Amino acid sequence: MKIAYLGIDLLHPVLRSLLDGGCEILKIFTCPTDNVTEFNTEVIRTAEENGISYTKKRITNSDIQALSGAGCRLLVCAGYYYRIPVTEAFPMVNFHPSPLPLGRGAWPMPWIILKKIDAGGITVHKITEKLDAGDILLQETFHVDPQETLVTYMDKVSVRIPDMVGKLLREFPALWKSARPQGEGVYWKPPTSAQWTVRAQMSAAEADTILRAFYGYECLYENEGRLTELIGGRVIFGEADGQEFPLRGGYIETEKKRELAEIEEGLNGKKAEAAAVKKREGMCGKETEEITLLHRGRIERLRAAYGHTLSSHAFNSLFLWHEPMDLSLYLTADMFAVKYGKRGEDTWFFPCGKREAARAFLEKHMDEADFSLCYLRPEDAAWLAACFPDEWAFYRTPEDDEYLYEAEKHICLNGRAYQRFRTQINKVEREDAPRSEWICHHNEQDALQVIREWRRLHGAAGGQFAGDEIDEEAITMWRRLGIQARILYLCEKPAAVTAGFYLDDNTFDIAVEKTAVPMQGVAYYARRDLILAASCEWINHEEDLGLPGLRKMKEGMLPAAKNEMWAVRRNK
């Protein structure tokens, strides 16, 4: 059988088994990898040893047409970064390392260990436009041990592959015809840095679960302001005195390590150097401190504990905007407040955290002449008025309102109100051969190209902020911040990028959206593509910054609600 193969070393036994089964591999499509945590060396070696043409470039519609012309009868995918153009020219199947329909998504294996699910598996399914949702041809399941690691999990997957491939080749027509629909599935979002961060205050058992779930990949270890990247870390239970990576009830031994400062210097040397100079000049001696990656866990834990879902107070928003908005952080165990330098010497975001701690903070500052607060929710304003009657002048700040959209409405696009959106979608699909894919280390330059082209086309935007101040940093830091981004290609050229992050389990925040082509409908097509992929109930599209064009666009998207914002200053 003539076959096209797509994959990296993660599921290399699939390729080996296809060759052992007598298949003629017309071409191999692999991906550029770091060859530190993910590899393509075995796939490339197999291609070279067998005289098979291979490429690291993403597969395109032109490739599909060429394969069809060469007599391809089956496409097999087994660990591939890029979106595959689906065709009816020949069948397409994917080997997915979870017991579908449980565990749809790009990286289900760590979640199975993190969630302590006792059954893993590998599934062969039809490739369809919807990710990992195609009908199932074959499936093998296995028990997940209490001490399973990502490596031992994949060993269990690998050992089952040869028999599955053999059966697939022998019985393909019957398996394809009798493939069973998955029904309702469970999609898992890609893990973020919060999931692979271990802290010294954690119990050894909790840290052990995280390290096992990501074993072989990088994890982060945080202890008193020190952040270290670990690869191959394992927990040793027992006495932790004198150990480099202590925990409660144990410590970590690791195969590889490097300080985060080294990584930051490599990625963003000038900014890291400037931060170091600030600290040497005494920044840390002030009431507030610079917002850094080390604050992520504490800020996000406070937000989650007190049900604070505003985009304004999310760590990613604060981190990305801390320079353009001159933000600095006041942080305690029970609350945090953010000083907003661009709005005045003594202007603060309303505190997030325990009410008693917030009240103590306010009482400390409220007699200062220029003290004011912004980004108050209605419930914050009501609490403040009740605690300090007649002390404050309240006023609405609609330029700070956050726009909320029901994801389902922009997925279905039903009714007359959404007619123009349907028209835009149809136009792009009819004329521009769109495809999109998640960002990864190997296509992030395409996303940056879009942002830089947008800047070239638009120049400096009006208003105090325009949103483009943080786009490039958000893309450069996407993995470190847990940002999810989609890149839209039109006729195989990067045309748009949209990116954001989860504010809670039901709400996704769109923080970046830029287009490189001045074509009607492209911006909405890209925005909707991210909404489709995000798998959530609500989309937070952030504020309009008081910019008329931005307000018109966000109102035009038919918001279902807004997070209304208030500000206060002391009564004179």
Protein backbone atom coordinates (compact mmCIF):
# COMPACT_ATOMS: atom_id res chain seq x y z
CA MET A 1 0.00 0.00 0.00
CA LYS A 2 1.28 3.47 -0.89
CA ILE A 3 1.23 5.69 2.18
CA ALA A 4 2.10 9.23 3.28
CA TYR A 5 3.40 9.49 6.85
CA LEU A 6 3.33 12.46 9.23
CA GLY A 7 4.99 12.49 12.64
CA ILE A 8 7.90 12.99 15.04
CA ASP A 9 9.72 10.49 17.23
CA LEU A 10 6.99 10.43 19.91
CA LEU A 11 5.16 7.69 17.98
CA HIS A 12 8.01 6.49 15.78
CA PRO A 13 6.98 2.79 16.19
CA VAL A 14 4.04 3.53 13.88
CA LEU A 15 6.43 4.36 11.03
CA ARG A 16 8.63 1.34 11.77
CA SER A 17 5.59 -0.97 11.82
CA LEU A 18 4.24 0.37 8.51
CA LEU A 19 7.58 -0.40 6.85
CA ASP A 20 7.70 -3.85 8.47
CA GLY A 21 4.20 -4.42 7.06
CA GLY A 22 5.46 -3.89 3.51
CA CYS A 23 4.06 -0.40 2.91
CA GLU A 24 5.60 1.91 0.36
CA ILE A 25 6.07 5.27 2.08
CA LEU A 26 5.83 7.93 -0.62
CA LYS A 27 6.91 10.80 1.60
CA ILE A 28 7.48 11.58 5.27
CA PHE A 29 6.40 14.90 6.76
CA THR A 30 8.04 15.61 10.12
CA CYS A 31 8.46 18.82 12.14
CA PRO A 32 11.40 20.89 13.34
CA THR A 33 12.02 19.92 16.99
CA ASP A 34 14.36 21.10 19.75
CA ASN A 35 15.87 17.59 20.08
CA VAL A 36 16.04 18.21 23.81
CA THR A 37 12.51 17.28 24.90
CA GLU A 38 11.00 16.40 21.51
CA PHE A 39 12.86 14.69 18.70
CA ASN A 40 12.68 13.99 14.98
CA THR A 41 16.03 12.17 14.70
CA GLU A 42 14.63 8.61 14.52
CA VAL A 43 12.06 9.54 11.88
CA ILE A 44 14.73 11.24 9.75
CA ARG A 45 17.17 8.35 10.20
CA THR A 46 14.47 5.89 9.12
CA ALA A 47 13.71 7.99 6.06
CA GLU A 48 17.37 8.20 5.07
CA GLU A 49 18.05 4.50 5.66
CA ASN A 50 15.09 3.55 3.46
CA GLY A 51 15.59 6.16 0.75
CA ILE A 52 12.30 7.93 1.53
CA SER A 53 11.84 11.59 0.69
CA TYR A 54 11.15 13.71 3.78
CA THR A 55 10.54 17.33 4.72
CA LYS A 56 10.23 19.41 7.89
CA LYS A 57 7.88 21.84 6.19
CA ARG A 58 4.17 21.69 7.02
CA ILE A 59 1.98 19.67 4.68
CA THR A 60 -0.10 21.75 2.24
CA ASN A 61 -2.97 21.26 -0.19
CA SER A 62 -0.40 21.08 -2.99
CA ASP A 63 1.31 18.20 -1.20
CA ILE A 64 -2.03 16.40 -0.89
CA GLN A 65 -2.64 16.79 -4.63
CA ALA A 66 0.86 15.53 -5.44
CA LEU A 67 0.43 12.51 -3.17
CA SER A 68 -2.89 11.70 -4.79
CA GLY A 69 -1.30 11.87 -8.22
CA ALA A 70 1.45 9.51 -7.06
CA GLY A 71 -1.14 6.90 -6.08
CA CYS A 72 -1.30 7.47 -2.32
CA ARG A 73 -3.95 5.24 -0.74
CA LEU A 74 -3.65 6.25 2.92
CA LEU A 75 -2.27 9.06 5.06
CA VAL A 76 -1.10 8.09 8.55
CA CYS A 77 -0.48 10.74 11.20
CA ALA A 78 1.34 9.89 14.45
CA GLY A 79 2.36 12.97 16.41
CA TYR A 80 2.39 15.98 14.08
CA TYR A 81 2.35 19.66 15.03
CA TYR A 82 0.48 21.12 12.10
CA ARG A 83 -3.10 21.15 10.88
CA ILE A 84 -3.64 18.67 8.04
CA PRO A 85 -5.71 19.68 4.99
CA VAL A 86 -8.51 17.10 5.01
CA THR A 87 -9.28 15.54 1.63
CA GLU A 88 -11.49 12.87 0.12
CA ALA A 89 -8.73 11.89 -2.32
CA PHE A 90 -7.61 9.14 0.08
CA PRO A 91 -8.38 8.08 3.67
CA MET A 92 -6.57 9.73 6.56
CA VAL A 93 -6.05 8.23 10.03
CA ASN A 94 -4.41 9.45 13.21
CA PHE A 95 -2.78 7.55 16.09
CA HIS A 96 -3.79 9.42 19.25
CA PRO A 97 -2.28 8.50 22.68
CA SER A 98 -5.47 8.53 24.76
CA PRO A 99 -8.62 6.39 25.02
CA LEU A 100 -10.84 8.62 22.88
CA PRO A 101 -13.32 10.18 23.22
CA LEU A 102 -11.58 10.94 26.54
CA GLY A 103 -8.56 13.16 26.07
CA ARG A 104 -9.04 15.05 22.84
CA GLY A 105 -6.41 17.72 22.39
CA ALA A 106 -2.78 18.20 21.52
CA TRP A 107 -1.23 16.80 24.72
CA PRO A 108 -3.53 14.48 26.69
CA MET A 109 -0.92 12.25 28.35
CA PRO A 110 0.12 14.61 31.19
CA TRP A 111 -3.53 15.25 32.04
CA ILE A 112 -4.19 11.52 32.48
CA ILE A 113 -1.46 11.42 35.14
CA LEU A 114 -2.35 14.77 36.73
CA LYS A 115 -6.01 13.80 36.99
CA LYS A 116 -5.09 10.33 38.34
CA ILE A 117 -7.17 8.59 35.68
CA ASP A 118 -6.58 4.85 35.92
CA ALA A 119 -7.04 3.96 32.22
CA GLY A 120 -4.89 5.17 29.34
CA GLY A 121 -4.81 4.08 25.75
CA ILE A 122 -4.07 4.63 22.09
CA THR A 123 -6.74 5.19 19.46
CA VAL A 124 -6.69 5.06 15.67
CA HIS A 125 -9.38 7.34 14.26
CA LYS A 126 -10.40 9.02 11.05
CA ILE A 127 -9.01 12.52 10.57
CA THR A 128 -11.75 15.13 10.26
CA GLU A 129 -11.90 18.91 10.41
CA LYS A 130 -12.76 18.72 14.13
CA LEU A 131 -9.72 17.88 16.22
CA ASP A 132 -9.51 14.22 17.38
CA ALA A 133 -13.26 13.71 16.81
CA GLY A 134 -13.23 11.28 13.87
CA ASP A 135 -14.77 7.80 13.96
CA ILE A 136 -12.68 5.14 15.76
CA LEU A 137 -11.13 2.28 13.78
CA LEU A 138 -9.02 0.66 16.51
CA GLN A 139 -8.37 1.20 20.20
CA GLU A 140 -6.25 -0.40 22.90
CA THR A 141 -6.47 0.56 26.57
CA PHE A 142 -4.25 -0.18 29.55
CA HIS A 143 -4.01 0.41 33.29
CA VAL A 144 -2.22 3.57 34.44
CA ASP A 145 -0.08 2.73 37.48
CA PRO A 146 -0.02 4.99 40.56
CA GLN A 147 3.65 5.79 39.81
CA GLU A 148 3.23 6.18 36.06
CA THR A 149 5.43 8.75 34.32
CA LEU A 150 5.00 10.29 30.90
CA VAL A 151 7.82 8.04 29.68
CA THR A 152 6.35 4.78 31.04
CA TYR A 153 2.92 5.79 29.73
CA MET A 154 4.36 6.20 26.22
CA ASP A 155 6.20 2.88 26.60
CA LYS A 156 2.81 1.23 27.10
CA VAL A 157 1.51 3.00 24.02
CA SER A 158 4.53 1.99 21.93
CA VAL A 159 4.37 -1.71 22.78
CA ARG A 160 0.80 -1.90 21.46
CA ILE A 161 1.51 -0.17 18.16
CA PRO A 162 2.93 -3.05 16.03
CA ASP A 163 -0.15 -5.26 16.46
CA MET A 164 -2.48 -2.32 15.83
CA VAL A 165 -0.65 -1.32 12.66
CA GLY A 166 -0.68 -4.94 11.46
CA LYS A 167 -4.41 -5.20 11.96
CA LEU A 168 -4.98 -1.82 10.32
CA LEU A 169 -3.15 -2.94 7.18
CA ARG A 170 -4.75 -6.41 7.02
CA GLU A 171 -8.32 -5.33 7.66
CA PHE A 172 -8.37 -1.71 6.54
CA PRO A 173 -11.47 -1.76 4.26
CA ALA A 174 -13.60 -3.46 6.91
CA LEU A 175 -12.27 -1.27 9.73
CA TRP A 176 -12.90 1.92 7.75
CA LYS A 177 -16.44 0.86 6.91
CA SER A 178 -17.32 -0.21 10.46
CA ALA A 179 -15.61 2.67 12.30
CA ARG A 180 -17.70 3.77 15.26
CA PRO A 181 -18.62 7.37 16.00
CA GLN A 182 -17.06 8.80 19.16
CA GLY A 183 -20.11 10.66 20.38
CA GLU A 184 -19.64 13.38 22.97
CA GLY A 185 -15.96 13.84 23.73
CA VAL A 186 -13.80 15.31 26.49
CA TYR A 187 -11.35 17.94 25.25
CA TRP A 188 -8.37 18.90 27.39
CA LYS A 189 -6.72 22.25 26.84
CA PRO A 190 -2.92 22.14 26.51
CA PRO A 191 -1.29 22.34 29.95
CA THR A 192 0.12 25.74 30.92
CA SER A 193 3.17 26.66 32.95
CA ALA A 194 0.98 26.71 36.07
CA GLN A 195 0.48 22.95 35.63
CA TRP A 196 4.20 22.19 35.30
CA THR A 197 5.42 24.45 38.12
CA VAL A 198 6.56 22.88 41.41
CA ARG A 199 6.96 25.07 44.50
CA ALA A 200 9.03 24.47 47.61
CA GLN A 201 5.88 24.78 49.75
CA MET A 202 4.27 21.81 47.97
CA SER A 203 4.07 18.40 49.54
CA ALA A 204 6.42 15.85 48.06
CA ALA A 205 3.41 13.82 46.86
CA GLU A 206 1.89 16.77 44.97
CA ALA A 207 5.24 17.63 43.37
CA ASP A 208 5.78 13.98 42.46
CA THR A 209 2.55 13.92 40.45
CA ILE A 210 3.58 17.00 38.46
CA LEU A 211 7.10 15.76 37.76
CA ARG A 212 5.83 12.34 36.68
CA ALA A 213 3.21 13.91 34.38
CA PHE A 214 5.85 15.93 32.52
CA TYR A 215 8.83 13.63 32.93
CA GLY A 216 11.24 14.19 30.05
CA TYR A 217 9.91 17.71 29.46
CA GLU A 218 10.80 20.88 31.31
CA CYS A 219 9.19 21.70 34.66
CA LEU A 220 9.70 24.82 36.77
CA TYR A 221 10.77 24.87 40.43
CA GLU A 222 10.07 28.00 42.50
CA ASN A 223 11.61 28.74 45.90
CA GLU A 224 11.89 32.20 47.53
CA GLY A 225 12.25 34.15 44.32
CA ARG A 226 14.44 31.59 42.59
CA LEU A 227 13.00 29.94 39.51
CA THR A 228 14.78 26.95 37.96
CA GLU A 229 13.97 24.88 34.91
CA LEU A 230 14.23 21.12 35.53
CA ILE A 231 14.25 18.27 33.02
CA GLY A 232 14.09 14.71 34.30
CA GLY A 233 13.23 15.66 37.88
CA ARG A 234 12.09 12.99 40.34
CA VAL A 235 10.96 13.28 43.96
CA ILE A 236 12.93 11.60 46.73
CA PHE A 237 10.74 11.18 49.80
CA GLY A 238 12.41 11.84 53.14
CA GLU A 239 14.60 14.46 54.83
CA ALA A 240 15.14 17.60 52.72
CA ASP A 241 17.78 19.45 54.78
CA GLY A 242 20.67 20.69 52.67
CA GLN A 243 19.04 19.74 49.38
CA GLU A 244 18.99 22.14 46.43
CA PHE A 245 15.31 21.58 45.62
CA PRO A 246 13.50 20.91 48.92
CA LEU A 247 9.80 20.11 49.35
CA ARG A 248 7.56 19.35 52.30
CA GLY A 249 8.47 15.74 53.02
CA GLY A 250 11.14 15.29 50.38
CA TYR A 251 13.28 16.88 47.69
CA ILE A 252 13.92 16.75 43.94
CA GLU A 253 16.83 15.20 42.09
CA THR A 254 17.09 16.21 38.45
CA GLU A 255 18.99 15.19 35.35
CA LYS A 256 19.21 18.72 33.90
CA LYS A 257 18.70 22.19 35.35
CA ARG A 258 19.18 25.83 34.50
CA GLU A 259 18.27 29.07 36.20
CA LEU A 260 15.35 30.97 34.72
CA ALA A 261 17.50 34.13 34.72
CA GLU A 262 19.66 32.47 32.08
CA ILE A 263 16.57 31.80 29.95
CA GLU A 264 15.27 35.35 30.35
CA GLU A 265 18.64 36.79 29.38
CA GLY A 266 18.66 34.67 26.26
CA LEU A 267 15.12 35.59 25.22
CA ASN A 268 14.99 39.20 26.23
CA GLY A 269 18.42 40.35 27.29
CA LYS A 270 17.81 44.11 27.30
CA LYS A 271 14.67 43.84 29.40
CA ALA A 272 16.33 41.47 31.90
CA GLU A 273 19.30 43.81 32.20
CA ALA A 274 17.03 46.83 32.73
CA ALA A 275 15.13 44.95 35.44
CA ALA A 276 18.37 44.09 37.18
CA VAL A 277 19.47 47.73 37.10
CA LYS A 278 16.13 48.79 38.63
CA LYS A 279 16.58 46.34 41.45
CA ARG A 280 20.17 47.47 42.09
CA GLU A 281 18.92 51.04 42.31
CA GLY A 282 16.63 50.12 45.19
CA MET A 283 13.31 49.25 43.50
CA CYS A 284 12.76 46.43 45.97
CA GLY A 285 12.90 48.79 48.92
CA LYS A 286 9.67 50.56 47.90
CA GLU A 287 6.12 49.63 48.82
CA THR A 288 5.55 48.07 45.41
CA GLU A 289 7.72 45.84 43.30
CA GLU A 290 8.13 45.10 39.61
CA ILE A 291 5.74 42.48 38.26
CA THR A 292 7.70 39.37 37.23
CA LEU A 293 7.02 35.75 36.34
CA LEU A 294 7.66 34.82 39.97
CA HIS A 295 4.36 36.48 40.95
CA ARG A 296 2.20 34.39 38.64
CA GLY A 297 1.29 31.61 41.05
CA ARG A 298 0.42 33.86 44.00
CA ILE A 299 -1.66 36.27 41.92
CA GLU A 300 -3.57 33.50 40.16
CA ARG A 301 -4.23 31.66 43.42
CA LEU A 302 -5.69 34.82 44.96
CA ARG A 303 -7.87 35.43 41.89
CA ALA A 304 -9.17 31.87 41.99
CA ALA A 305 -9.75 31.88 45.75
CA TYR A 306 -11.82 35.06 45.65
CA GLY A 307 -13.64 34.49 42.35
CA HIS A 308 -12.08 37.47 40.60
CA THR A 309 -12.45 36.95 36.84
CA LEU A 310 -11.71 40.40 35.41
CA SER A 311 -9.12 40.42 32.67
CA SER A 312 -7.67 43.58 34.23
CA HIS A 313 -6.44 41.67 37.30
CA ALA A 314 -5.25 38.47 35.56
CA PHE A 315 -1.52 37.87 35.87
CA ASN A 316 -0.92 37.73 32.13
CA SER A 317 -2.61 41.10 31.62
CA LEU A 318 -0.61 42.66 34.44
CA PHE A 319 2.68 41.17 33.26
CA LEU A 320 2.25 42.16 29.62
CA TRP A 321 1.05 45.68 30.38
CA HIS A 322 3.29 46.51 33.33
CA GLU A 323 5.68 48.62 31.25
CA PRO A 324 3.25 50.43 28.90
CA MET A 325 0.92 51.24 31.81
CA ASP A 326 3.67 51.68 34.43
CA LEU A 327 2.19 49.03 36.74
CA SER A 328 3.82 47.85 39.96
CA LEU A 329 2.64 45.34 42.53
CA TYR A 330 1.73 45.39 46.22
CA LEU A 331 1.38 41.76 47.29
CA THR A 332 0.66 40.05 50.62
CA ALA A 333 -0.47 36.55 51.52
CA ASP A 334 -4.12 37.67 51.47
CA MET A 335 -4.43 40.27 48.72
CA PHE A 336 -2.75 42.19 45.93
CA ALA A 337 -3.16 45.69 44.59
CA VAL A 338 -1.61 47.22 41.48
CA LYS A 339 -0.32 50.77 41.26
CA TYR A 340 -1.21 52.42 37.94
CA GLY A 341 1.51 54.96 37.22
CA LYS A 342 0.07 56.18 33.93
CA ARG A 343 -3.07 57.41 35.69
CA GLY A 344 -1.36 59.24 38.50
CA GLU A 345 1.12 59.07 41.34
CA ASP A 346 -1.37 57.43 43.72
CA THR A 347 -3.88 55.55 41.53
CA TRP A 348 -4.45 51.84 42.16
CA PHE A 349 -6.44 48.94 40.76
CA PHE A 350 -9.04 47.93 43.34
CA PRO A 351 -7.46 45.25 45.60
CA CYS A 352 -8.14 41.57 44.95
CA GLY A 353 -8.24 39.24 47.93
CA LYS A 354 -9.57 38.97 51.46
CA ARG A 355 -11.88 41.86 52.34
CA GLU A 356 -10.18 42.43 55.71
CA ALA A 357 -6.80 42.78 54.00
CA ALA A 358 -8.26 45.08 51.35
CA ARG A 359 -9.82 47.27 54.04
CA ALA A 360 -6.50 47.55 55.89
CA PHE A 361 -4.79 48.57 52.65
CA LEU A 362 -7.43 51.22 51.93
CA GLU A 363 -7.31 52.63 55.46
CA LYS A 364 -3.55 52.97 55.13
CA HIS A 365 -3.82 55.04 51.94
CA MET A 366 -7.17 56.80 51.88
CA ASP A 367 -5.98 59.96 53.63
CA GLU A 368 -3.41 60.60 50.90
CA ALA A 369 -4.36 63.64 48.81
CA ASP A 370 -4.33 61.99 45.37
CA PHE A 371 -5.38 58.47 46.32
CA SER A 372 -7.87 56.97 43.82
CA LEU A 373 -9.01 53.54 42.67
CA CYS A 374 -9.93 52.12 39.27
CA TYR A 375 -11.13 48.80 37.81
CA LEU A 376 -13.86 48.29 40.41
CA ARG A 377 -16.60 45.77 39.74
CA PRO A 378 -20.13 46.83 40.81
CA GLU A 379 -19.83 44.57 43.87
CA ASP A 380 -16.52 46.25 44.78
CA ALA A 381 -18.14 49.68 44.56
CA ALA A 382 -21.07 48.53 46.73
CA TRP A 383 -18.73 47.06 49.37
CA LEU A 384 -16.60 50.20 49.41
CA ALA A 385 -19.65 52.45 49.84
CA ALA A 386 -20.90 50.27 52.72
CA CYS A 387 -17.54 50.20 54.52
CA PHE A 388 -16.78 53.89 54.17
CA PRO A 389 -20.09 55.78 53.85
CA ASP A 390 -19.90 59.22 52.21
CA GLU A 391 -16.12 58.98 51.81
CA TRP A 392 -15.94 58.38 48.07
CA ALA A 393 -17.07 59.89 44.79
CA PHE A 394 -18.01 57.05 42.41
CA TYR A 395 -18.06 57.36 38.63
CA ARG A 396 -18.40 54.97 35.70
CA THR A 397 -15.44 54.36 33.37
CA PRO A 398 -16.96 52.78 30.23
CA GLU A 399 -13.58 52.87 28.47
CA ASP A 400 -12.50 50.18 30.99
CA ASP A 401 -15.57 47.94 30.50
CA GLU A 402 -14.70 44.43 29.36
CA TYR A 403 -16.81 43.04 26.50
CA LEU A 404 -18.27 39.56 26.97
CA TYR A 405 -19.51 37.32 24.15
CA GLU A 406 -21.30 33.99 24.21
CA ALA A 407 -19.00 31.60 22.40
CA GLU A 408 -21.88 29.41 21.19
CA LYS A 409 -23.47 32.29 19.28
CA HIS A 410 -20.27 32.94 17.35
CA ILE A 411 -19.87 29.24 16.67
CA CYS A 412 -23.40 28.69 15.33
CA LEU A 413 -23.95 32.16 13.76
CA ASN A 414 -27.70 31.64 13.69
CA GLY A 415 -30.24 34.33 12.89
CA ARG A 416 -30.38 37.59 10.99
CA ALA A 417 -28.12 39.43 13.43
CA TYR A 418 -25.22 37.17 12.46
CA GLN A 419 -25.81 37.27 8.70
CA ARG A 420 -22.86 39.56 7.97
CA PHE A 421 -20.55 37.30 9.95
CA ARG A 422 -21.70 34.30 7.91
CA THR A 423 -21.03 36.30 4.76
CA GLN A 424 -17.51 37.14 5.89
CA ILE A 425 -16.76 33.52 6.80
CA ASN A 426 -18.10 32.24 3.46
CA LYS A 427 -16.09 34.81 1.49
CA VAL A 428 -12.80 33.85 3.13
CA GLU A 429 -13.48 30.13 2.70
CA ARG A 430 -14.52 30.59 -0.92
CA GLU A 431 -11.64 32.78 -2.06
CA ASP A 432 -8.60 32.38 0.18
CA ALA A 433 -7.97 28.68 1.00
CA PRO A 434 -7.81 29.31 4.76
CA ARG A 435 -6.21 26.99 7.26
CA SER A 436 -5.10 27.59 10.82
CA GLU A 437 -2.93 25.94 13.43
CA TRP A 438 -1.87 26.36 17.03
CA ILE A 439 1.33 28.23 17.67
CA CYS A 440 4.43 26.21 18.46
CA HIS A 441 8.14 26.95 18.58
CA HIS A 442 8.37 26.20 14.89
CA ASN A 443 5.80 28.65 13.55
CA GLU A 444 5.99 31.52 16.05
CA GLN A 445 8.02 33.53 13.53
CA ASP A 446 4.96 33.45 11.27
CA ALA A 447 2.93 35.02 14.08
CA LEU A 448 5.57 37.70 14.67
CA GLN A 449 5.65 38.39 10.93
CA VAL A 450 1.90 39.10 11.02
CA ILE A 451 2.27 41.51 13.94
CA ARG A 452 5.16 43.37 12.32
CA GLU A 453 3.29 43.63 9.03
CA TRP A 454 0.22 44.98 10.85
CA ARG A 455 2.43 47.61 12.47
CA ARG A 456 3.94 48.54 9.10
CA LEU A 457 0.49 48.92 7.53
CA HIS A 458 -1.06 50.89 10.38
CA GLY A 459 1.80 52.88 11.86
CA ALA A 460 1.34 54.38 15.31
CA ALA A 461 -2.28 54.04 16.39
CA GLY A 462 -4.08 56.84 18.17
CA GLY A 463 -5.02 56.99 21.81
CA GLN A 464 -3.05 56.39 24.98
CA PHE A 465 -2.85 52.66 24.31
CA ALA A 466 -3.76 50.78 21.17
CA GLY A 467 -3.17 47.17 22.17
CA ASP A 468 -0.20 46.64 19.88
CA GLU A 469 2.30 47.51 22.60
CA ILE A 470 2.12 44.00 24.04
CA ASP A 471 1.44 41.82 21.00
CA GLU A 472 5.01 40.90 20.17
CA GLU A 473 5.92 40.12 23.76
CA ALA A 474 2.79 37.99 24.20
CA ILE A 475 3.81 35.88 21.20
CA THR A 476 7.49 35.70 22.18
CA MET A 477 6.52 34.59 25.69
CA TRP A 478 3.53 32.42 24.71
CA ARG A 479 4.71 29.23 26.36
CA ARG A 480 6.07 30.83 29.52
CA LEU A 481 2.77 32.67 30.04
CA GLY A 482 0.48 29.80 29.03
CA ILE A 483 -0.89 31.83 26.12
CA GLN A 484 -2.71 29.97 23.38
CA ALA A 485 -2.45 31.40 19.88
CA ARG A 486 -3.86 30.51 16.48
CA ILE A 487 -2.19 31.47 13.22
CA LEU A 488 -4.38 31.84 10.14
CA TYR A 489 -2.87 31.13 6.74
CA LEU A 490 -4.49 32.31 3.51
CA CYS A 491 -3.18 30.65 0.36
CA GLU A 492 -0.39 29.28 2.58
CA LYS A 493 0.80 32.73 3.70
CA PRO A 494 0.52 33.89 7.35
CA ALA A 495 -2.40 36.34 7.41
CA ALA A 496 -3.59 36.72 11.02
CA VAL A 497 -2.78 35.81 14.59
CA THR A 498 -5.15 35.69 17.56
CA ALA A 499 -4.06 34.78 21.07
CA GLY A 500 -5.31 34.69 24.62
CA PHE A 501 -5.60 32.76 27.85
CA TYR A 502 -8.18 31.31 30.23
CA LEU A 503 -9.47 33.57 33.01
CA ASP A 504 -11.33 30.62 34.55
CA ASP A 505 -12.68 27.29 33.34
CA ASN A 506 -15.49 28.95 31.38
CA THR A 507 -13.96 32.21 30.14
CA PHE A 508 -11.23 32.79 27.56
CA ASP A 509 -9.59 36.20 27.20
CA ILE A 510 -8.60 37.41 23.72
CA ALA A 511 -5.51 39.55 24.24
CA VAL A 512 -3.97 39.66 20.76
CA GLU A 513 -5.52 39.89 17.31
CA LYS A 514 -3.66 41.22 14.31
CA THR A 515 -3.96 40.78 10.55
CA ALA A 516 -1.29 41.17 7.90
CA VAL A 517 -3.73 41.66 5.01
CA PRO A 518 -6.27 44.49 4.62
CA MET A 519 -9.08 42.19 3.52
CA GLN A 520 -12.65 42.34 4.79
CA GLY A 521 -13.64 39.40 6.93
CA VAL A 522 -10.15 38.11 7.73
CA ALA A 523 -10.06 39.60 11.25
CA TYR A 524 -13.41 38.08 12.15
CA TYR A 525 -12.54 34.73 10.55
CA ALA A 526 -9.37 34.54 12.68
CA ARG A 527 -11.19 35.65 15.82
CA ARG A 528 -13.91 33.04 15.34
CA ASP A 529 -11.29 30.36 14.66
CA LEU A 530 -9.82 31.00 18.11
CA ILE A 531 -13.30 30.95 19.66
CA LEU A 532 -13.96 27.57 18.02
CA ALA A 533 -10.68 26.17 19.29
CA ALA A 534 -10.83 27.62 22.80
CA SER A 535 -13.68 25.38 24.01
CA CYS A 536 -15.34 27.68 26.54
CA GLU A 537 -18.67 29.36 27.28
CA TRP A 538 -17.61 33.01 27.36
CA ILE A 539 -15.12 35.17 25.49
CA ASN A 540 -13.71 38.24 27.24
CA HIS A 541 -12.62 40.70 24.56
CA GLU A 542 -11.20 43.20 27.03
CA GLU A 543 -11.85 46.95 27.04
CA ASP A 544 -12.05 49.44 24.16
CA LEU A 545 -9.62 51.92 25.76
CA GLY A 546 -11.91 54.78 24.76
CA LEU A 547 -10.82 54.43 21.11
CA PRO A 548 -13.81 55.03 18.75
CA GLY A 549 -12.67 52.47 16.15
CA LEU A 550 -12.05 49.79 18.75
CA ARG A 551 -15.39 50.50 20.42
CA LYS A 552 -17.24 50.26 17.10
CA MET A 553 -15.61 46.91 16.34
CA LYS A 554 -16.35 45.42 19.74
CA GLU A 555 -19.93 46.67 19.80
CA GLY A 556 -20.36 45.33 16.28
CA MET A 557 -19.51 41.82 17.45
CA LEU A 558 -22.76 41.82 19.45
CA PRO A 559 -21.62 41.48 23.07
CA ALA A 560 -23.97 39.56 25.34
CA ALA A 561 -22.81 41.49 28.42
CA LYS A 562 -20.07 43.65 29.83
CA ASN A 563 -17.99 43.68 32.97
CA GLU A 564 -18.92 47.22 33.97
CA MET A 565 -16.11 49.19 35.58
CA TRP A 566 -16.13 51.95 38.15
CA ALA A 567 -13.53 54.27 39.61
CA VAL A 568 -13.50 56.31 42.82
CA ARG A 569 -11.73 59.24 44.39
CA ARG A 570 -12.03 60.71 47.84
CA ASN A 571 -14.72 63.30 48.48
CA LYS A 572 -13.10 66.64 49.16
